[in-house]
Amino acid sequence: MPELREPIHPIPELEELRLKLFNPDYHAKGLPATRTVEHERTNIRHCMEVLDEAAEMLKEANRRIAWAQNLLPELHRRVDEWEAAEARILPTLTQIQQLDT
């Protein structure tokens, strides 16, 4: 059975990046009126780093999805075994309960 690893925690920068990219009010309220080209380059580099990290998170999420999908056949097999064992034991349990009454 594959081992379960620590869950990935979301990174706070993604929310800020989402605001920067998709919220026009953010630009009006949150950014200074004058920005230098170097500041913009730094901001773009930071955004690229955040996107790279998000891409790594997606890769890990896809890996975990594949891991879970690989477990499904084994889990179904075990449920089938348990249900078969329960079906075999149930008549005996019913007989024992009837003897107790």
PDB file of N, CA and C in Angstrom:
ATOM      1  N   MET A   1       0.851  -1.180   0.000  1.00  0.00           N
ATOM      2  CA  MET A   1       0.000   0.000   0.000  1.00  0.00           C
ATOM      3  C   MET A   1       0.894   1.240   0.000  1.00  0.00           C
ATOM      4  N   PRO A   2       0.630   2.217  -0.868  1.00  0.00           N
ATOM      5  CA  PRO A   2       1.459   3.426  -0.888  1.00  0.00           C
ATOM      6  C   PRO A   2       1.359   4.180   0.429  1.00  0.00           C
ATOM      7  N   GLU A   3       2.433   4.840   0.799  1.00  0.00           N
ATOM      8  CA  GLU A   3       2.414   5.576   2.056  1.00  0.00           C
ATOM      9  C   GLU A   3       1.769   6.945   1.864  1.00  0.00           C
ATOM     10  N   LEU A   4       1.085   7.393   2.894  1.00  0.00           N
ATOM     11  CA  LEU A   4       0.440   8.704   2.856  1.00  0.00           C
ATOM     12  C   LEU A   4       1.435   9.740   3.351  1.00  0.00           C
ATOM     13  N   ARG A   5       1.603  10.798   2.582  1.00  0.00           N
ATOM     14  CA  ARG A   5       2.531  11.856   2.964  1.00  0.00           C
ATOM     15  C   ARG A   5       1.759  13.025   3.538  1.00  0.00           C
ATOM     16  N   GLU A   6       2.510  13.939   4.132  1.00  0.00           N
ATOM     17  CA  GLU A   6       1.910  15.149   4.692  1.00  0.00           C
ATOM     18  C   GLU A   6       1.127  15.900   3.621  1.00  0.00           C
ATOM     19  N   PRO A   7      -0.023  16.470   3.965  1.00  0.00           N
ATOM     20  CA  PRO A   7      -0.763  17.251   2.969  1.00  0.00           C
ATOM     21  C   PRO A   7      -0.006  18.525   2.608  1.00  0.00           C
ATOM     22  N   ILE A   8      -0.235  18.983   1.404  1.00  0.00           N
ATOM     23  CA  ILE A   8       0.374  20.241   0.967  1.00  0.00           C
ATOM     24  C   ILE A   8      -0.510  21.376   1.454  1.00  0.00           C
ATOM     25  N   HIS A   9       0.111  22.369   2.048  1.00  0.00           N
ATOM     26  CA  HIS A   9      -0.641  23.517   2.526  1.00  0.00           C
ATOM     27  C   HIS A   9      -0.583  24.619   1.473  1.00  0.00           C
ATOM     28  N   PRO A  10      -1.697  25.305   1.261  1.00  0.00           N
ATOM     29  CA  PRO A  10      -1.696  26.369   0.252  1.00  0.00           C
ATOM     30  C   PRO A  10      -0.738  27.491   0.656  1.00  0.00           C
ATOM     31  N   ILE A  11      -0.223  28.179  -0.335  1.00  0.00           N
ATOM     32  CA  ILE A  11       0.700  29.279  -0.043  1.00  0.00           C
ATOM     33  C   ILE A  11      -0.062  30.598  -0.108  1.00  0.00           C
ATOM     34  N   PRO A  12       0.167  31.473   0.872  1.00  0.00           N
ATOM     35  CA  PRO A  12      -0.587  32.730   0.937  1.00  0.00           C
ATOM     36  C   PRO A  12      -0.388  33.610  -0.288  1.00  0.00           C
ATOM     37  N   GLU A  13       0.772  33.514  -0.924  1.00  0.00           N
ATOM     38  CA  GLU A  13       1.031  34.366  -2.079  1.00  0.00           C
ATOM     39  C   GLU A  13       0.054  34.107  -3.220  1.00  0.00           C
ATOM     40  N   LEU A  14      -0.505  32.906  -3.282  1.00  0.00           N
ATOM     41  CA  LEU A  14      -1.439  32.608  -4.370  1.00  0.00           C
ATOM     42  C   LEU A  14      -2.688  33.480  -4.298  1.00  0.00           C
ATOM     43  N   GLU A  15      -3.181  33.728  -3.091  1.00  0.00           N
ATOM     44  CA  GLU A  15      -4.359  34.593  -2.951  1.00  0.00           C
ATOM     45  C   GLU A  15      -4.022  36.017  -3.383  1.00  0.00           C
ATOM     46  N   GLU A  16      -2.853  36.501  -2.969  1.00  0.00           N
ATOM     47  CA  GLU A  16      -2.434  37.840  -3.382  1.00  0.00           C
ATOM     48  C   GLU A  16      -2.272  37.905  -4.900  1.00  0.00           C
ATOM     49  N   LEU A  17      -1.689  36.868  -5.473  1.00  0.00           N
ATOM     50  CA  LEU A  17      -1.518  36.831  -6.924  1.00  0.00           C
ATOM     51  C   LEU A  17      -2.875  36.816  -7.622  1.00  0.00           C
ATOM     52  N   ARG A  18      -3.806  36.035  -7.085  1.00  0.00           N
ATOM     53  CA  ARG A  18      -5.143  35.989  -7.671  1.00  0.00           C
ATOM     54  C   ARG A  18      -5.772  37.376  -7.651  1.00  0.00           C
ATOM     55  N   LEU A  19      -5.613  38.085  -6.529  1.00  0.00           N
ATOM     56  CA  LEU A  19      -6.142  39.451  -6.443  1.00  0.00           C
ATOM     57  C   LEU A  19      -5.492  40.364  -7.472  1.00  0.00           C
ATOM     58  N   LYS A  20      -4.181  40.251  -7.594  1.00  0.00           N
ATOM     59  CA  LYS A  20      -3.475  41.116  -8.539  1.00  0.00           C
ATOM     60  C   LYS A  20      -3.908  40.852  -9.971  1.00  0.00           C
ATOM     61  N   LEU A  21      -4.127  39.598 -10.290  1.00  0.00           N
ATOM     62  CA  LEU A  21      -4.432  39.248 -11.670  1.00  0.00           C
ATOM     63  C   LEU A  21      -5.893  39.469 -12.042  1.00  0.00           C
ATOM     64  N   PHE A  22      -6.811  39.233 -11.102  1.00  0.00           N
ATOM     65  CA  PHE A  22      -8.226  39.184 -11.469  1.00  0.00           C
ATOM     66  C   PHE A  22      -9.105  40.245 -10.820  1.00  0.00           C
ATOM     67  N   ASN A  23      -8.564  41.089  -9.970  1.00  0.00           N
ATOM     68  CA  ASN A  23      -9.384  42.082  -9.292  1.00  0.00           C
ATOM     69  C   ASN A  23      -8.942  43.483  -9.715  1.00  0.00           C
ATOM     70  N   PRO A  24      -9.706  44.143 -10.595  1.00  0.00           N
ATOM     71  CA  PRO A  24      -9.292  45.472 -11.064  1.00  0.00           C
ATOM     72  C   PRO A  24      -9.248  46.509  -9.946  1.00  0.00           C
ATOM     73  N   ASP A  25     -10.068  46.345  -8.901  1.00  0.00           N
ATOM     74  CA  ASP A  25     -10.052  47.300  -7.792  1.00  0.00           C
ATOM     75  C   ASP A  25      -8.727  47.271  -7.042  1.00  0.00           C
ATOM     76  N   TYR A  26      -8.075  46.121  -7.039  1.00  0.00           N
ATOM     77  CA  TYR A  26      -6.792  46.007  -6.349  1.00  0.00           C
ATOM     78  C   TYR A  26      -5.796  47.007  -6.925  1.00  0.00           C
ATOM     79  N   HIS A  27      -5.795  47.151  -8.239  1.00  0.00           N
ATOM     80  CA  HIS A  27      -4.846  48.051  -8.879  1.00  0.00           C
ATOM     81  C   HIS A  27      -5.129  49.499  -8.487  1.00  0.00           C
ATOM     82  N   ALA A  28      -6.402  49.832  -8.357  1.00  0.00           N
ATOM     83  CA  ALA A  28      -6.752  51.204  -8.002  1.00  0.00           C
ATOM     84  C   ALA A  28      -6.431  51.490  -6.532  1.00  0.00           C
ATOM     85  N   LYS A  29      -6.643  50.513  -5.653  1.00  0.00           N
ATOM     86  CA  LYS A  29      -6.505  50.752  -4.219  1.00  0.00           C
ATOM     87  C   LYS A  29      -5.128  50.370  -3.677  1.00  0.00           C
ATOM     88  N   GLY A  30      -4.592  49.261  -4.160  1.00  0.00           N
ATOM     89  CA  GLY A  30      -3.440  48.684  -3.483  1.00  0.00           C
ATOM     90  C   GLY A  30      -2.082  49.043  -4.035  1.00  0.00           C
ATOM     91  N   LEU A  31      -2.010  49.629  -5.192  1.00  0.00           N
ATOM     92  CA  LEU A  31      -0.712  49.888  -5.796  1.00  0.00           C
ATOM     93  C   LEU A  31      -0.384  51.373  -5.776  1.00  0.00           C
ATOM     94  N   PRO A  32       0.870  51.709  -5.577  1.00  0.00           N
ATOM     95  CA  PRO A  32       1.244  53.124  -5.600  1.00  0.00           C
ATOM     96  C   PRO A  32       1.059  53.725  -6.989  1.00  0.00           C
ATOM     97  N   ALA A  33       0.889  55.043  -7.041  1.00  0.00           N
ATOM     98  CA  ALA A  33       0.623  55.721  -8.314  1.00  0.00           C
ATOM     99  C   ALA A  33       1.813  55.634  -9.257  1.00  0.00           C
ATOM    100  N   THR A  34       3.013  55.713  -8.716  1.00  0.00           N
ATOM    101  CA  THR A  34       4.200  55.644  -9.582  1.00  0.00           C
ATOM    102  C   THR A  34       4.954  54.359  -9.285  1.00  0.00           C
ATOM    103  N   ARG A  35       5.287  53.662 -10.361  1.00  0.00           N
ATOM    104  CA  ARG A  35       6.027  52.410 -10.197  1.00  0.00           C
ATOM    105  C   ARG A  35       7.168  52.422 -11.196  1.00  0.00           C
ATOM    106  N   THR A  36       8.276  51.930 -10.757  1.00  0.00           N
ATOM    107  CA  THR A  36       9.434  51.903 -11.641  1.00  0.00           C
ATOM    108  C   THR A  36       9.423  50.629 -12.468  1.00  0.00           C
ATOM    109  N   VAL A  37      10.162  50.665 -13.553  1.00  0.00           N
ATOM    110  CA  VAL A  37      10.292  49.477 -14.398  1.00  0.00           C
ATOM    111  C   VAL A  37      10.911  48.341 -13.590  1.00  0.00           C
ATOM    112  N   GLU A  38      11.891  48.672 -12.759  1.00  0.00           N
ATOM    113  CA  GLU A  38      12.546  47.632 -11.947  1.00  0.00           C
ATOM    114  C   GLU A  38      11.550  47.015 -10.961  1.00  0.00           C
ATOM    115  N   HIS A  39      10.691  47.869 -10.391  1.00  0.00           N
ATOM    116  CA  HIS A  39       9.666  47.347  -9.481  1.00  0.00           C
ATOM    117  C   HIS A  39       8.751  46.378 -10.227  1.00  0.00           C
ATOM    118  N   GLU A  40       8.358  46.743 -11.428  1.00  0.00           N
ATOM    119  CA  GLU A  40       7.491  45.868 -12.227  1.00  0.00           C
ATOM    120  C   GLU A  40       8.204  44.560 -12.558  1.00  0.00           C
ATOM    121  N   ARG A  41       9.491  44.638 -12.897  1.00  0.00           N
ATOM    122  CA  ARG A  41      10.251  43.416 -13.183  1.00  0.00           C
ATOM    123  C   ARG A  41      10.319  42.520 -11.950  1.00  0.00           C
ATOM    124  N   THR A  42      10.545  43.146 -10.798  1.00  0.00           N
ATOM    125  CA  THR A  42      10.583  42.381  -9.548  1.00  0.00           C
ATOM    126  C   THR A  42       9.233  41.725  -9.293  1.00  0.00           C
ATOM    127  N   ASN A  43       8.172  42.479  -9.524  1.00  0.00           N
ATOM    128  CA  ASN A  43       6.828  41.941  -9.330  1.00  0.00           C
ATOM    129  C   ASN A  43       6.569  40.768 -10.279  1.00  0.00           C
ATOM    130  N   ILE A  44       6.988  40.906 -11.515  1.00  0.00           N
ATOM    131  CA  ILE A  44       6.797  39.827 -12.496  1.00  0.00           C
ATOM    132  C   ILE A  44       7.599  38.599 -12.080  1.00  0.00           C
ATOM    133  N   ARG A  45       8.845  38.807 -11.631  1.00  0.00           N
ATOM    134  CA  ARG A  45       9.659  37.669 -11.169  1.00  0.00           C
ATOM    135  C   ARG A  45       8.978  36.966 -10.000  1.00  0.00           C
ATOM    136  N   HIS A  46       8.455  37.771  -9.067  1.00  0.00           N
ATOM    137  CA  HIS A  46       7.762  37.187  -7.917  1.00  0.00           C
ATOM    138  C   HIS A  46       6.537  36.386  -8.377  1.00  0.00           C
ATOM    139  N   CYS A  47       5.772  36.956  -9.298  1.00  0.00           N
ATOM    140  CA  CYS A  47       4.594  36.253  -9.819  1.00  0.00           C
ATOM    141  C   CYS A  47       4.998  34.944 -10.489  1.00  0.00           C
ATOM    142  N   MET A  48       6.096  34.962 -11.224  1.00  0.00           N
ATOM    143  CA  MET A  48       6.569  33.741 -11.882  1.00  0.00           C
ATOM    144  C   MET A  48       6.978  32.692 -10.851  1.00  0.00           C
ATOM    145  N   GLU A  49       7.617  33.135  -9.762  1.00  0.00           N
ATOM    146  CA  GLU A  49       7.982  32.200  -8.696  1.00  0.00           C
ATOM    147  C   GLU A  49       6.732  31.574  -8.080  1.00  0.00           C
ATOM    148  N   VAL A  50       5.721  32.409  -7.844  1.00  0.00           N
ATOM    149  CA  VAL A  50       4.470  31.902  -7.275  1.00  0.00           C
ATOM    150  C   VAL A  50       3.813  30.921  -8.244  1.00  0.00           C
ATOM    151  N   LEU A  51       3.817  31.247  -9.520  1.00  0.00           N
ATOM    152  CA  LEU A  51       3.234  30.342 -10.514  1.00  0.00           C
ATOM    153  C   LEU A  51       4.014  29.037 -10.592  1.00  0.00           C
ATOM    154  N   ASP A  52       5.339  29.107 -10.493  1.00  0.00           N
ATOM    155  CA  ASP A  52       6.151  27.884 -10.473  1.00  0.00           C
ATOM    156  C   ASP A  52       5.793  27.020  -9.269  1.00  0.00           C
ATOM    157  N   GLU A  53       5.622  27.672  -8.124  1.00  0.00           N
ATOM    158  CA  GLU A  53       5.257  26.930  -6.922  1.00  0.00           C
ATOM    159  C   GLU A  53       3.862  26.318  -7.071  1.00  0.00           C
ATOM    160  N   ALA A  54       2.947  27.081  -7.673  1.00  0.00           N
ATOM    161  CA  ALA A  54       1.598  26.553  -7.913  1.00  0.00           C
ATOM    162  C   ALA A  54       1.652  25.360  -8.857  1.00  0.00           C
ATOM    163  N   ALA A  55       2.516  25.417  -9.861  1.00  0.00           N
ATOM    164  CA  ALA A  55       2.665  24.292 -10.789  1.00  0.00           C
ATOM    165  C   ALA A  55       3.171  23.057 -10.051  1.00  0.00           C
ATOM    166  N   GLU A  56       4.095  23.249  -9.119  1.00  0.00           N
ATOM    167  CA  GLU A  56       4.589  22.122  -8.317  1.00  0.00           C
ATOM    168  C   GLU A  56       3.469  21.544  -7.453  1.00  0.00           C
ATOM    169  N   MET A  57       2.628  22.433  -6.911  1.00  0.00           N
ATOM    170  CA  MET A  57       1.499  21.958  -6.111  1.00  0.00           C
ATOM    171  C   MET A  57       0.544  21.136  -6.971  1.00  0.00           C
ATOM    172  N   LEU A  58       0.308  21.576  -8.200  1.00  0.00           N
ATOM    173  CA  LEU A  58      -0.570  20.826  -9.101  1.00  0.00           C
ATOM    174  C   LEU A  58       0.026  19.463  -9.445  1.00  0.00           C
ATOM    175  N   LYS A  59       1.335  19.423  -9.665  1.00  0.00           N
ATOM    176  CA  LYS A  59       1.993  18.136  -9.933  1.00  0.00           C
ATOM    177  C   LYS A  59       1.811  17.191  -8.751  1.00  0.00           C
ATOM    178  N   GLU A  60       2.001  17.723  -7.540  1.00  0.00           N
ATOM    179  CA  GLU A  60       1.839  16.895  -6.341  1.00  0.00           C
ATOM    180  C   GLU A  60       0.384  16.445  -6.192  1.00  0.00           C
ATOM    181  N   ALA A  61      -0.558  17.343  -6.470  1.00  0.00           N
ATOM    182  CA  ALA A  61      -1.975  16.973  -6.395  1.00  0.00           C
ATOM    183  C   ALA A  61      -2.291  15.869  -7.396  1.00  0.00           C
ATOM    184  N   ASN A  62      -1.770  15.984  -8.604  1.00  0.00           N
ATOM    185  CA  ASN A  62      -1.992  14.938  -9.610  1.00  0.00           C
ATOM    186  C   ASN A  62      -1.364  13.621  -9.180  1.00  0.00           C
ATOM    187  N   ARG A  63      -0.188  13.690  -8.544  1.00  0.00           N
ATOM    188  CA  ARG A  63       0.456  12.473  -8.056  1.00  0.00           C
ATOM    189  C   ARG A  63      -0.418  11.803  -6.988  1.00  0.00           C
ATOM    190  N   ARG A  64      -0.983  12.615  -6.106  1.00  0.00           N
ATOM    191  CA  ARG A  64      -1.836  12.061  -5.045  1.00  0.00           C
ATOM    192  C   ARG A  64      -3.138  11.488  -5.601  1.00  0.00           C
ATOM    193  N   ILE A  65      -3.685  12.133  -6.620  1.00  0.00           N
ATOM    194  CA  ILE A  65      -4.893  11.600  -7.264  1.00  0.00           C
ATOM    195  C   ILE A  65      -4.596  10.245  -7.877  1.00  0.00           C
ATOM    196  N   ALA A  66      -3.467  10.134  -8.567  1.00  0.00           N
ATOM    197  CA  ALA A  66      -3.079   8.852  -9.164  1.00  0.00           C
ATOM    198  C   ALA A  66      -2.869   7.804  -8.079  1.00  0.00           C
ATOM    199  N   TRP A  67      -2.245   8.200  -6.971  1.00  0.00           N
ATOM    200  CA  TRP A  67      -2.022   7.285  -5.851  1.00  0.00           C
ATOM    201  C   TRP A  67      -3.360   6.762  -5.320  1.00  0.00           C
ATOM    202  N   ALA A  68      -4.325   7.677  -5.133  1.00  0.00           N
ATOM    203  CA  ALA A  68      -5.640   7.280  -4.622  1.00  0.00           C
ATOM    204  C   ALA A  68      -6.360   6.371  -5.617  1.00  0.00           C
ATOM    205  N   GLN A  69      -6.247   6.688  -6.899  1.00  0.00           N
ATOM    206  CA  GLN A  69      -6.893   5.848  -7.908  1.00  0.00           C
ATOM    207  C   GLN A  69      -6.286   4.450  -7.927  1.00  0.00           C
ATOM    208  N   ASN A  70      -4.992   4.343  -7.668  1.00  0.00           N
ATOM    209  CA  ASN A  70      -4.350   3.031  -7.606  1.00  0.00           C
ATOM    210  C   ASN A  70      -4.822   2.224  -6.406  1.00  0.00           C
ATOM    211  N   LEU A  71      -5.251   2.901  -5.351  1.00  0.00           N
ATOM    212  CA  LEU A  71      -5.737   2.204  -4.156  1.00  0.00           C
ATOM    213  C   LEU A  71      -7.148   1.644  -4.327  1.00  0.00           C
ATOM    214  N   LEU A  72      -7.939   2.244  -5.194  1.00  0.00           N
ATOM    215  CA  LEU A  72      -9.348   1.859  -5.302  1.00  0.00           C
ATOM    216  C   LEU A  72      -9.562   0.370  -5.553  1.00  0.00           C
ATOM    217  N   PRO A  73      -8.869  -0.268  -6.500  1.00  0.00           N
ATOM    218  CA  PRO A  73      -9.109  -1.699  -6.707  1.00  0.00           C
ATOM    219  C   PRO A  73      -8.838  -2.530  -5.448  1.00  0.00           C
ATOM    220  N   GLU A  74      -7.768  -2.191  -4.723  1.00  0.00           N
ATOM    221  CA  GLU A  74      -7.450  -2.920  -3.492  1.00  0.00           C
ATOM    222  C   GLU A  74      -8.531  -2.693  -2.439  1.00  0.00           C
ATOM    223  N   LEU A  75      -9.012  -1.472  -2.322  1.00  0.00           N
ATOM    224  CA  LEU A  75     -10.074  -1.184  -1.353  1.00  0.00           C
ATOM    225  C   LEU A  75     -11.362  -1.921  -1.713  1.00  0.00           C
ATOM    226  N   HIS A  76     -11.708  -1.951  -2.996  1.00  0.00           N
ATOM    227  CA  HIS A  76     -12.902  -2.684  -3.427  1.00  0.00           C
ATOM    228  C   HIS A  76     -12.750  -4.177  -3.140  1.00  0.00           C
ATOM    229  N   ARG A  77     -11.556  -4.715  -3.372  1.00  0.00           N
ATOM    230  CA  ARG A  77     -11.310  -6.135  -3.104  1.00  0.00           C
ATOM    231  C   ARG A  77     -11.498  -6.430  -1.617  1.00  0.00           C
ATOM    232  N   ARG A  78     -10.971  -5.561  -0.764  1.00  0.00           N
ATOM    233  CA  ARG A  78     -11.099  -5.776   0.683  1.00  0.00           C
ATOM    234  C   ARG A  78     -12.552  -5.665   1.147  1.00  0.00           C
ATOM    235  N   VAL A  79     -13.298  -4.721   0.583  1.00  0.00           N
ATOM    236  CA  VAL A  79     -14.721  -4.605   0.932  1.00  0.00           C
ATOM    237  C   VAL A  79     -15.459  -5.871   0.514  1.00  0.00           C
ATOM    238  N   ASP A  80     -15.168  -6.369  -0.684  1.00  0.00           N
ATOM    239  CA  ASP A  80     -15.801  -7.607  -1.149  1.00  0.00           C
ATOM    240  C   ASP A  80     -15.471  -8.766  -0.217  1.00  0.00           C
ATOM    241  N   GLU A  81     -14.210  -8.865   0.232  1.00  0.00           N
ATOM    242  CA  GLU A  81     -13.816  -9.929   1.164  1.00  0.00           C
ATOM    243  C   GLU A  81     -14.571  -9.799   2.482  1.00  0.00           C
ATOM    244  N   TRP A  82     -14.687  -8.572   2.985  1.00  0.00           N
ATOM    245  CA  TRP A  82     -15.376  -8.352   4.248  1.00  0.00           C
ATOM    246  C   TRP A  82     -16.857  -8.722   4.122  1.00  0.00           C
ATOM    247  N   GLU A  83     -17.478  -8.319   3.017  1.00  0.00           N
ATOM    248  CA  GLU A  83     -18.892  -8.641   2.812  1.00  0.00           C
ATOM    249  C   GLU A  83     -19.090 -10.148   2.684  1.00  0.00           C
ATOM    250  N   ALA A  84     -18.168 -10.843   2.023  1.00  0.00           N
ATOM    251  CA  ALA A  84     -18.268 -12.303   1.902  1.00  0.00           C
ATOM    252  C   ALA A  84     -18.102 -12.961   3.267  1.00  0.00           C
ATOM    253  N   ALA A  85     -17.155 -12.477   4.063  1.00  0.00           N
ATOM    254  CA  ALA A  85     -16.958 -13.031   5.405  1.00  0.00           C
ATOM    255  C   ALA A  85     -18.182 -12.775   6.275  1.00  0.00           C
ATOM    256  N   GLU A  86     -18.746 -11.589   6.154  1.00  0.00           N
ATOM    257  CA  GLU A  86     -19.951 -11.256   6.916  1.00  0.00           C
ATOM    258  C   GLU A  86     -21.101 -12.184   6.525  1.00  0.00           C
ATOM    259  N   ALA A  87     -21.244 -12.460   5.228  1.00  0.00           N
ATOM    260  CA  ALA A  87     -22.312 -13.349   4.759  1.00  0.00           C
ATOM    261  C   ALA A  87     -22.114 -14.766   5.293  1.00  0.00           C
ATOM    262  N   ARG A  88     -20.855 -15.209   5.416  1.00  0.00           N
ATOM    263  CA  ARG A  88     -20.589 -16.551   5.955  1.00  0.00           C
ATOM    264  C   ARG A  88     -20.862 -16.618   7.450  1.00  0.00           C
ATOM    265  N   ILE A  89     -20.559 -15.549   8.178  1.00  0.00           N
ATOM    266  CA  ILE A  89     -20.669 -15.552   9.637  1.00  0.00           C
ATOM    267  C   ILE A  89     -22.085 -15.254  10.112  1.00  0.00           C
ATOM    268  N   LEU A  90     -22.840 -14.506   9.359  1.00  0.00           N
ATOM    269  CA  LEU A  90     -24.160 -14.049   9.790  1.00  0.00           C
ATOM    270  C   LEU A  90     -25.102 -15.189  10.185  1.00  0.00           C
ATOM    271  N   PRO A  91     -25.208 -16.285   9.419  1.00  0.00           N
ATOM    272  CA  PRO A  91     -26.096 -17.373   9.860  1.00  0.00           C
ATOM    273  C   PRO A  91     -25.688 -17.955  11.216  1.00  0.00           C
ATOM    274  N   THR A  92     -24.392 -18.090  11.448  1.00  0.00           N
ATOM    275  CA  THR A  92     -23.919 -18.614  12.728  1.00  0.00           C
ATOM    276  C   THR A  92     -24.269 -17.658  13.854  1.00  0.00           C
ATOM    277  N   LEU A  93     -24.083 -16.378  13.641  1.00  0.00           N
ATOM    278  CA  LEU A  93     -24.436 -15.392  14.664  1.00  0.00           C
ATOM    279  C   LEU A  93     -25.932 -15.414  14.963  1.00  0.00           C
ATOM    280  N   THR A  94     -26.728 -15.573  13.933  1.00  0.00           N
ATOM    281  CA  THR A  94     -28.179 -15.644  14.123  1.00  0.00           C
ATOM    282  C   THR A  94     -28.540 -16.864  14.961  1.00  0.00           C
ATOM    283  N   GLN A  95     -27.906 -17.999  14.686  1.00  0.00           N
ATOM    284  CA  GLN A  95     -28.164 -19.214  15.474  1.00  0.00           C
ATOM    285  C   GLN A  95     -27.768 -19.019  16.932  1.00  0.00           C
ATOM    286  N   ILE A  96     -26.634 -18.384  17.176  1.00  0.00           N
ATOM    287  CA  ILE A  96     -26.183 -18.141  18.550  1.00  0.00           C
ATOM    288  C   ILE A  96     -27.163 -17.235  19.272  1.00  0.00           C
ATOM    289  N   GLN A  97     -27.646 -16.201  18.601  1.00  0.00           N
ATOM    290  CA  GLN A  97     -28.610 -15.291  19.226  1.00  0.00           C
ATOM    291  C   GLN A  97     -29.904 -16.028  19.562  1.00  0.00           C
ATOM    292  N   GLN A  98     -30.315 -16.954  18.702  1.00  0.00           N
ATOM    293  CA  GLN A  98     -31.541 -17.706  18.963  1.00  0.00           C
ATOM    294  C   GLN A  98     -31.358 -18.642  20.152  1.00  0.00           C
ATOM    295  N   LEU A  99     -30.165 -19.186  20.347  1.00  0.00           N
ATOM    296  CA  LEU A  99     -29.899 -20.051  21.496  1.00  0.00           C
ATOM    297  C   LEU A  99     -29.930 -19.265  22.796  1.00  0.00           C
ATOM    298  N   ASP A 100     -29.519 -18.000  22.739  1.00  0.00           N
ATOM    299  CA  ASP A 100     -29.501 -17.161  23.941  1.00  0.00           C
ATOM    300  C   ASP A 100     -30.906 -16.793  24.399  1.00  0.00           C
ATOM    301  N   THR A 101     -31.890 -16.843  23.500  1.00  0.00           N
ATOM    302  CA  THR A 101     -33.241 -16.413  23.891  1.00  0.00           C
ATOM    303  C   THR A 101     -34.086 -17.538  24.385  1.00  0.00           C
TER     304      THR A 101
END
